[in-house]
C-alpha cells in the first residue's frame, strides 16, 4: 500500500516550532482551515515537529501561502512550515518504513508492505 502523497513529490510539509502540548488533531485542524490533510504524522508528542501529507504540491503551496499571509498561530506560537525537498522526503519515507518494520518485528510479523 503506497500513499498517494508518496507517489507525488512536494506533498509532505514539515511543521515545527509550535507550542506544546499539541495533538495530531490540533495540528491537522491548523492545516485543514486551508487544505485537506491525508495524514498527520506527529511521532513524538514531546517535540514540536510534525509532518503533514497533503494531496498535491498545490495544496502544499496553498498551506504555506496561507500561513505566511494570515500569521495564524498553533498554540501561542507561529509555526514554521516547509515543503520537504526530494532528499528530505526520501529520509522521511525511509524512517516510516523502518518504524513499520520495527513494529512488525515486535508483533512477530514478517511482511510489512
Protein backbone atom coordinates (compact mmCIF):
# COMPACT_ATOMS: atom_id res chain seq x y z
CA UNK A 1 0.00 0.00 0.00
CA UNK A 2 1.59 3.24 -1.16
CA UNK A 3 0.05 6.58 -0.12
CA UNK A 4 -0.76 8.94 -2.98
CA UNK A 5 1.40 11.67 -1.45
CA UNK A 6 4.42 9.35 -1.56
CA UNK A 7 3.97 8.88 -5.29
CA UNK A 8 3.90 12.65 -5.91
CA UNK A 9 6.83 14.79 -4.72
CA UNK A 10 6.06 18.04 -2.94
CA UNK A 11 3.17 16.76 -0.82
CA UNK A 12 4.98 16.47 2.51
CA UNK A 13 5.06 19.55 4.74
CA UNK A 14 7.13 19.75 7.91
CA UNK A 15 5.51 21.89 10.59
CA UNK A 16 7.63 22.86 13.57
CA UNK A 17 8.09 25.48 16.25
CA UNK A 18 4.56 25.31 17.64
CA UNK A 19 3.76 25.44 21.32
CA UNK A 20 3.27 22.24 23.28
CA UNK A 21 1.19 20.40 24.19
CA UNK A 22 -0.49 19.73 20.85
CA UNK A 23 -2.13 16.66 19.36
CA UNK A 24 -2.49 15.18 15.90
CA UNK A 25 -5.99 16.66 15.85
CA UNK A 26 -4.97 20.25 16.63
CA UNK A 27 -2.12 20.13 14.11
CA UNK A 28 -4.40 18.66 11.47
CA UNK A 29 -7.07 21.29 12.17
CA UNK A 30 -4.48 24.06 11.76
CA UNK A 31 -3.87 22.90 8.17
CA UNK A 32 -7.45 21.94 7.36
CA UNK A 33 -8.51 25.57 7.59
CA UNK A 34 -6.93 25.70 4.12
CA UNK A 35 -6.45 22.22 2.60
CA UNK A 36 -7.46 18.61 3.16
CA UNK A 37 -4.88 16.61 5.11
CA UNK A 38 -4.40 12.97 4.13
CA UNK A 39 -2.39 12.17 7.25
CA UNK A 40 -0.78 13.96 10.18
CA UNK A 41 2.38 12.26 11.44
CA UNK A 42 3.20 13.54 14.94
CA UNK A 43 5.71 10.91 16.06
CA UNK A 44 6.86 12.40 19.38
CA UNK A 45 4.32 14.44 21.32
CA UNK A 46 7.15 15.95 23.39
CA UNK A 47 8.74 17.51 20.27
CA UNK A 48 7.25 20.40 18.31
CA UNK A 49 7.65 18.72 14.90
CA UNK A 50 5.00 17.05 12.75
CA UNK A 51 4.62 16.06 9.11
CA UNK A 52 1.51 16.66 7.03
CA UNK A 53 0.79 14.52 4.00
CA UNK A 54 -1.24 16.57 1.55
CA UNK A 55 -2.94 15.63 -1.71
CA UNK A 56 -0.89 17.69 -4.14
CA UNK A 57 2.03 20.10 -4.41
CA UNK A 58 -0.57 22.83 -5.00
CA UNK A 59 -2.07 22.06 -1.58
CA UNK A 60 1.39 22.42 -0.04
CA UNK A 61 1.89 25.81 -1.69
CA UNK A 62 -1.58 26.96 -0.60
CA UNK A 63 -0.92 25.99 3.03
CA UNK A 64 2.44 27.81 3.11
CA UNK A 65 0.94 30.89 1.46
CA UNK A 66 -1.96 30.95 3.93
CA UNK A 67 0.42 30.63 6.90
CA UNK A 68 2.54 33.47 5.51
CA UNK A 69 -0.43 35.77 4.87
CA UNK A 70 -2.52 35.08 7.97
CA UNK A 71 0.28 34.52 10.51
CA UNK A 72 -2.05 32.07 12.28
CA UNK A 73 -0.75 30.54 15.46
CA UNK A 74 -0.71 26.95 16.63
CA UNK A 75 -0.99 27.31 20.36
CA UNK A 76 0.66 30.60 21.23
CA UNK A 77 3.43 30.41 18.59
CA UNK A 78 3.53 30.80 14.80
CA UNK A 79 4.75 27.52 13.40
CA UNK A 80 7.33 27.19 10.66
CA UNK A 81 6.13 25.29 7.59
CA UNK A 82 8.41 23.82 4.95
CA UNK A 83 7.76 21.60 1.95
CA UNK A 84 10.29 18.77 2.11
CA UNK A 85 12.94 18.60 -0.61
CA UNK A 86 13.27 15.28 -2.50
CA UNK A 87 16.19 14.10 -0.31
CA UNK A 88 14.27 15.00 2.83
CA UNK A 89 11.22 13.13 1.54
CA UNK A 90 13.39 10.07 0.92
CA UNK A 91 14.73 10.20 4.50
CA UNK A 92 11.20 10.67 5.86
CA UNK A 93 9.83 7.67 3.97
CA UNK A 94 12.86 5.58 4.99
CA UNK A 95 12.16 6.36 8.64
CA UNK A 96 8.48 5.43 8.14
CA UNK A 97 9.47 2.07 6.63
CA UNK A 98 11.96 1.41 9.44
CA UNK A 99 9.29 2.17 12.04
CA UNK A 100 6.83 -0.16 10.30
CA UNK A 101 9.44 -2.91 10.16
CA UNK A 102 10.24 -2.48 13.87
CA UNK A 103 6.56 -2.61 14.79
CA UNK A 104 6.04 -5.71 12.65
CA UNK A 105 9.07 -7.41 14.20
CA UNK A 106 7.78 -6.59 17.69
CA UNK A 107 4.41 -8.07 16.74
CA UNK A 108 6.04 -11.15 15.25
CA UNK A 109 5.05 -10.40 11.66
CA UNK A 110 7.33 -10.84 8.68
CA UNK A 111 5.62 -8.83 5.91
CA UNK A 112 5.35 -5.07 6.47
CA UNK A 113 4.24 -3.98 2.98
